[in-house]
Structure formats: C-alpha cells, structure tokens
C-alpha cells in the first residue's frame, strides 16, 4: 500500500512526538518537510521506481533544509543504499 505524503507526515509526526528526526527540535518552529534518504532524482526513480523512492522508510520528517541534507544517503555509500533498498523491498512484500 502506497501512502500519501500527508499521511506519512502525520504518522512520523506522532512517532517522533513532534520533533525533528535529526536535531530533535520541535517541528512547529518551521514547516516540517519530508526528506528523501535516497534522493528523488530521475536516475534513482529509473533505477528503483517511485514505490521505493517515495516509500515511508525512505522519508524522514525534518525541520529544515540543513536537517534534510543530513539524512541524505550520498552516492559514495552504494552498499548502504542497496541495504536500504532491500529493507524497503521487504517492507513492501510484507504489506
């Protein structure tokens, strides 16, 4: 089941008790944003598909652009990306 971004924000807001995943500051201080751990680029969408890229496990609820960039899995971490993708695929299979 694919969740809408607003639903993911709400679920993560509750789970994180209204705090930024990275800096733990209250999310009410700014407009909370969903940050992609693996960036939502054309290349990643082509390689993994939107179901993986926009999955809740690939999104973090953060307070700012600085914290958004902190959750990004960079290109230099290929093994970490593949592990992350496998985790998301398992979650999809189990739903």
N, C-alpha and C. Protein backbone atom coordinates (compact mmCIF):
# COMPACT_ATOMS: atom_id res chain seq x y z
N UNK A 1 0.84 -1.19 0.00
CA UNK A 1 0.00 0.00 0.00
C UNK A 1 0.89 1.25 0.00
N UNK A 2 0.61 2.14 -0.92
CA UNK A 2 1.37 3.39 -1.01
C UNK A 2 0.61 4.47 -0.24
N UNK A 3 1.31 5.09 0.69
CA UNK A 3 0.70 6.16 1.49
C UNK A 3 0.96 7.51 0.85
N UNK A 4 0.01 8.41 1.02
CA UNK A 4 0.15 9.79 0.57
C UNK A 4 1.15 10.49 1.50
N UNK A 5 1.90 11.45 0.97
CA UNK A 5 2.91 12.15 1.78
C UNK A 5 2.31 12.79 3.04
N UNK A 6 1.09 13.31 2.96
CA UNK A 6 0.46 13.90 4.15
C UNK A 6 0.23 12.84 5.23
N UNK A 7 -0.14 11.63 4.81
CA UNK A 7 -0.32 10.54 5.76
C UNK A 7 1.01 10.15 6.40
N UNK A 8 2.06 10.10 5.60
CA UNK A 8 3.38 9.76 6.12
C UNK A 8 3.84 10.82 7.11
N UNK A 9 3.63 12.10 6.77
CA UNK A 9 3.99 13.18 7.69
C UNK A 9 3.29 13.01 9.03
N UNK A 10 1.99 12.72 8.99
CA UNK A 10 1.22 12.57 10.22
C UNK A 10 1.73 11.39 11.04
N UNK A 11 1.96 10.25 10.41
CA UNK A 11 2.45 9.06 11.11
C UNK A 11 3.81 9.33 11.74
N UNK A 12 4.69 9.96 10.99
CA UNK A 12 6.03 10.26 11.51
C UNK A 12 5.97 11.32 12.60
N UNK A 13 5.08 12.31 12.45
CA UNK A 13 4.90 13.35 13.47
C UNK A 13 4.55 12.71 14.81
N UNK A 14 3.60 11.79 14.79
CA UNK A 14 3.17 11.10 16.01
C UNK A 14 4.33 10.27 16.58
N UNK A 15 4.97 9.47 15.72
CA UNK A 15 6.05 8.58 16.16
C UNK A 15 7.22 9.36 16.74
N UNK A 16 7.50 10.54 16.18
CA UNK A 16 8.63 11.36 16.63
C UNK A 16 8.23 12.36 17.70
N UNK A 17 6.98 12.29 18.13
CA UNK A 17 6.46 13.19 19.17
C UNK A 17 6.63 14.66 18.81
N UNK A 18 6.47 14.96 17.50
CA UNK A 18 6.53 16.34 17.03
C UNK A 18 7.92 16.93 16.97
N UNK A 19 8.95 16.06 16.99
CA UNK A 19 10.33 16.54 16.97
C UNK A 19 11.02 16.15 15.66
N UNK A 20 11.95 16.97 15.24
CA UNK A 20 12.75 16.69 14.05
C UNK A 20 13.53 15.40 14.26
N UNK A 21 13.56 14.55 13.25
CA UNK A 21 14.29 13.28 13.35
C UNK A 21 15.78 13.49 13.58
N UNK A 22 16.34 14.58 13.06
CA UNK A 22 17.77 14.81 13.14
C UNK A 22 18.18 15.59 14.39
N UNK A 23 17.65 16.81 14.53
CA UNK A 23 18.12 17.69 15.61
C UNK A 23 17.23 17.67 16.86
N UNK A 24 16.10 16.99 16.77
CA UNK A 24 15.15 16.84 17.88
C UNK A 24 14.50 18.15 18.31
N UNK A 25 14.59 19.18 17.47
CA UNK A 25 13.89 20.44 17.74
C UNK A 25 12.42 20.26 17.40
N UNK A 26 11.53 21.03 18.07
CA UNK A 26 10.10 20.93 17.74
C UNK A 26 9.85 21.28 16.28
N UNK A 27 9.03 20.48 15.64
CA UNK A 27 8.71 20.72 14.24
C UNK A 27 7.79 21.91 14.04
N UNK A 28 7.19 22.41 15.09
CA UNK A 28 6.32 23.57 14.98
C UNK A 28 7.10 24.85 14.70
N UNK A 29 8.42 24.83 14.92
CA UNK A 29 9.24 26.02 14.70
C UNK A 29 9.30 26.40 13.22
N UNK A 30 9.11 25.46 12.36
CA UNK A 30 9.14 25.70 10.92
C UNK A 30 8.18 24.77 10.25
N UNK A 31 8.15 24.81 8.97
CA UNK A 31 7.27 23.90 8.23
C UNK A 31 7.99 22.56 8.09
N UNK A 32 7.44 21.52 8.69
CA UNK A 32 8.09 20.21 8.58
C UNK A 32 8.16 19.76 7.13
N UNK A 33 9.23 19.08 6.80
CA UNK A 33 9.38 18.59 5.44
C UNK A 33 9.79 17.12 5.45
N UNK A 34 9.35 16.41 4.44
CA UNK A 34 9.76 15.03 4.27
C UNK A 34 11.03 15.03 3.43
N UNK A 35 12.08 14.49 4.00
CA UNK A 35 13.37 14.43 3.32
C UNK A 35 13.58 13.02 2.79
N UNK A 36 13.97 12.91 1.55
CA UNK A 36 14.30 11.61 0.97
C UNK A 36 15.71 11.20 1.40
N UNK A 37 15.85 9.99 1.93
CA UNK A 37 17.18 9.47 2.27
C UNK A 37 17.96 9.21 0.97
N UNK A 38 17.33 8.52 0.04
CA UNK A 38 17.88 8.40 -1.31
C UNK A 38 17.17 9.48 -2.12
N UNK A 39 17.93 10.35 -2.71
CA UNK A 39 17.30 11.49 -3.37
C UNK A 39 16.33 11.09 -4.46
N UNK A 40 15.34 11.93 -4.65
CA UNK A 40 14.33 11.70 -5.68
C UNK A 40 14.82 12.32 -6.98
N UNK A 41 15.75 11.62 -7.62
CA UNK A 41 16.32 12.07 -8.88
C UNK A 41 15.76 11.19 -10.01
N UNK A 42 15.87 11.67 -11.23
CA UNK A 42 15.43 10.88 -12.38
C UNK A 42 16.16 9.54 -12.43
N UNK A 43 17.46 9.57 -12.13
CA UNK A 43 18.26 8.36 -12.17
C UNK A 43 17.77 7.35 -11.12
N UNK A 44 17.52 7.81 -9.89
CA UNK A 44 17.06 6.90 -8.84
C UNK A 44 15.65 6.38 -9.12
N UNK A 45 14.78 7.23 -9.66
CA UNK A 45 13.43 6.78 -9.99
C UNK A 45 13.50 5.72 -11.09
N UNK A 46 14.36 5.93 -12.08
CA UNK A 46 14.52 4.96 -13.16
C UNK A 46 15.08 3.64 -12.62
N UNK A 47 16.04 3.73 -11.71
CA UNK A 47 16.71 2.53 -11.19
C UNK A 47 15.84 1.76 -10.18
N UNK A 48 15.17 2.49 -9.27
CA UNK A 48 14.45 1.85 -8.17
C UNK A 48 12.93 1.94 -8.27
N UNK A 49 12.43 2.94 -8.99
CA UNK A 49 10.99 3.16 -9.10
C UNK A 49 10.47 4.07 -8.00
N UNK A 50 9.33 4.70 -8.26
CA UNK A 50 8.77 5.64 -7.28
C UNK A 50 8.27 4.94 -6.03
N UNK A 51 7.88 3.67 -6.16
CA UNK A 51 7.40 2.95 -4.98
C UNK A 51 8.50 2.86 -3.91
N UNK A 52 9.74 2.70 -4.33
CA UNK A 52 10.88 2.66 -3.40
C UNK A 52 11.24 4.08 -2.96
N UNK A 53 11.38 4.99 -3.91
CA UNK A 53 11.84 6.35 -3.61
C UNK A 53 10.87 7.09 -2.69
N UNK A 54 9.56 6.92 -2.90
CA UNK A 54 8.57 7.63 -2.08
C UNK A 54 8.02 6.79 -0.93
N UNK A 55 8.66 5.66 -0.64
CA UNK A 55 8.22 4.81 0.47
C UNK A 55 8.51 5.50 1.80
N UNK A 56 7.66 5.24 2.79
CA UNK A 56 7.81 5.85 4.12
C UNK A 56 9.18 5.60 4.73
N UNK A 57 9.77 4.43 4.47
CA UNK A 57 11.10 4.13 5.03
C UNK A 57 12.20 4.94 4.37
N UNK A 58 11.92 5.53 3.22
CA UNK A 58 12.91 6.38 2.56
C UNK A 58 12.69 7.86 2.87
N UNK A 59 11.73 8.15 3.70
CA UNK A 59 11.40 9.54 4.03
C UNK A 59 11.62 9.81 5.51
N UNK A 60 12.16 10.98 5.81
CA UNK A 60 12.38 11.42 7.18
C UNK A 60 11.65 12.74 7.38
N UNK A 61 11.03 12.92 8.53
CA UNK A 61 10.37 14.18 8.84
C UNK A 61 11.35 15.07 9.58
N UNK A 62 11.70 16.18 8.96
CA UNK A 62 12.72 17.08 9.49
C UNK A 62 12.22 18.52 9.51
N UNK A 63 12.98 19.38 10.18
CA UNK A 63 12.54 20.77 10.39
C UNK A 63 13.12 21.77 9.39
N UNK A 64 14.21 21.42 8.72
CA UNK A 64 14.88 22.43 7.90
C UNK A 64 15.67 21.79 6.76
N UNK A 65 16.14 22.62 5.87
CA UNK A 65 16.96 22.14 4.76
C UNK A 65 18.26 21.53 5.28
N UNK A 66 18.82 22.13 6.34
CA UNK A 66 20.05 21.59 6.93
C UNK A 66 19.83 20.15 7.41
N UNK A 67 18.75 19.92 8.14
CA UNK A 67 18.44 18.57 8.62
C UNK A 67 18.06 17.66 7.46
N UNK A 68 17.41 18.22 6.44
CA UNK A 68 17.06 17.47 5.24
C UNK A 68 18.34 16.88 4.62
N UNK A 69 19.35 17.69 4.47
CA UNK A 69 20.60 17.25 3.86
C UNK A 69 21.33 16.24 4.74
N UNK A 70 21.09 16.28 6.04
CA UNK A 70 21.75 15.37 6.97
C UNK A 70 21.29 13.92 6.82
N UNK A 71 20.08 13.70 6.33
CA UNK A 71 19.58 12.33 6.20
C UNK A 71 19.89 11.72 4.83
N UNK A 72 20.40 12.52 3.91
CA UNK A 72 20.66 12.07 2.55
C UNK A 72 21.76 11.01 2.52
N UNK A 73 21.47 9.90 1.85
CA UNK A 73 22.47 8.86 1.62
C UNK A 73 23.15 9.21 0.31
N UNK A 74 24.41 9.57 0.37
CA UNK A 74 25.12 10.01 -0.82
C UNK A 74 25.53 8.89 -1.75
N UNK A 75 25.97 9.26 -2.93
CA UNK A 75 26.38 8.31 -3.96
C UNK A 75 27.58 7.46 -3.53
N UNK A 76 28.40 7.98 -2.63
CA UNK A 76 29.59 7.26 -2.21
C UNK A 76 29.26 6.07 -1.31
N UNK A 77 28.02 5.94 -0.91
CA UNK A 77 27.62 4.90 0.03
C UNK A 77 26.76 3.84 -0.66
N UNK A 78 27.24 3.28 -1.77
CA UNK A 78 26.47 2.33 -2.56
C UNK A 78 25.99 1.13 -1.74
N UNK A 79 26.84 0.58 -0.88
CA UNK A 79 26.44 -0.58 -0.07
C UNK A 79 25.31 -0.20 0.88
N UNK A 80 25.36 0.99 1.43
CA UNK A 80 24.31 1.47 2.33
C UNK A 80 23.01 1.66 1.56
N UNK A 81 23.09 2.16 0.35
CA UNK A 81 21.90 2.34 -0.49
C UNK A 81 21.26 0.99 -0.79
N UNK A 82 22.05 0.03 -1.19
CA UNK A 82 21.50 -1.29 -1.53
C UNK A 82 20.86 -1.96 -0.30
N UNK A 83 21.46 -1.80 0.85
CA UNK A 83 20.89 -2.33 2.09
C UNK A 83 19.56 -1.64 2.39
N UNK A 84 19.52 -0.35 2.19
CA UNK A 84 18.31 0.44 2.42
C UNK A 84 17.19 0.00 1.46
N UNK A 85 17.54 -0.20 0.19
CA UNK A 85 16.56 -0.64 -0.81
C UNK A 85 16.02 -2.02 -0.45
N UNK A 86 16.88 -2.92 -0.01
CA UNK A 86 16.43 -4.27 0.38
C UNK A 86 15.45 -4.20 1.55
N UNK A 87 15.71 -3.33 2.50
CA UNK A 87 14.82 -3.14 3.66
C UNK A 87 13.44 -2.65 3.19
N UNK A 88 13.42 -1.71 2.27
CA UNK A 88 12.16 -1.19 1.74
C UNK A 88 11.42 -2.27 0.95
N UNK A 89 12.14 -3.02 0.13
CA UNK A 89 11.50 -4.10 -0.64
C UNK A 89 10.88 -5.14 0.28
N UNK A 90 11.55 -5.49 1.37
CA UNK A 90 11.00 -6.44 2.34
C UNK A 90 9.73 -5.88 2.96
N UNK A 91 9.74 -4.59 3.29
CA UNK A 91 8.55 -3.96 3.87
C UNK A 91 7.39 -3.99 2.89
N UNK A 92 7.67 -3.76 1.61
CA UNK A 92 6.63 -3.79 0.58
C UNK A 92 6.07 -5.20 0.45
N UNK A 93 6.94 -6.20 0.45
CA UNK A 93 6.49 -7.59 0.35
C UNK A 93 5.63 -8.02 1.53
N UNK A 94 5.88 -7.46 2.69
CA UNK A 94 5.16 -7.82 3.91
C UNK A 94 3.84 -7.07 4.10
N UNK A 95 3.51 -6.18 3.15
CA UNK A 95 2.23 -5.46 3.28
C UNK A 95 1.17 -6.06 2.39
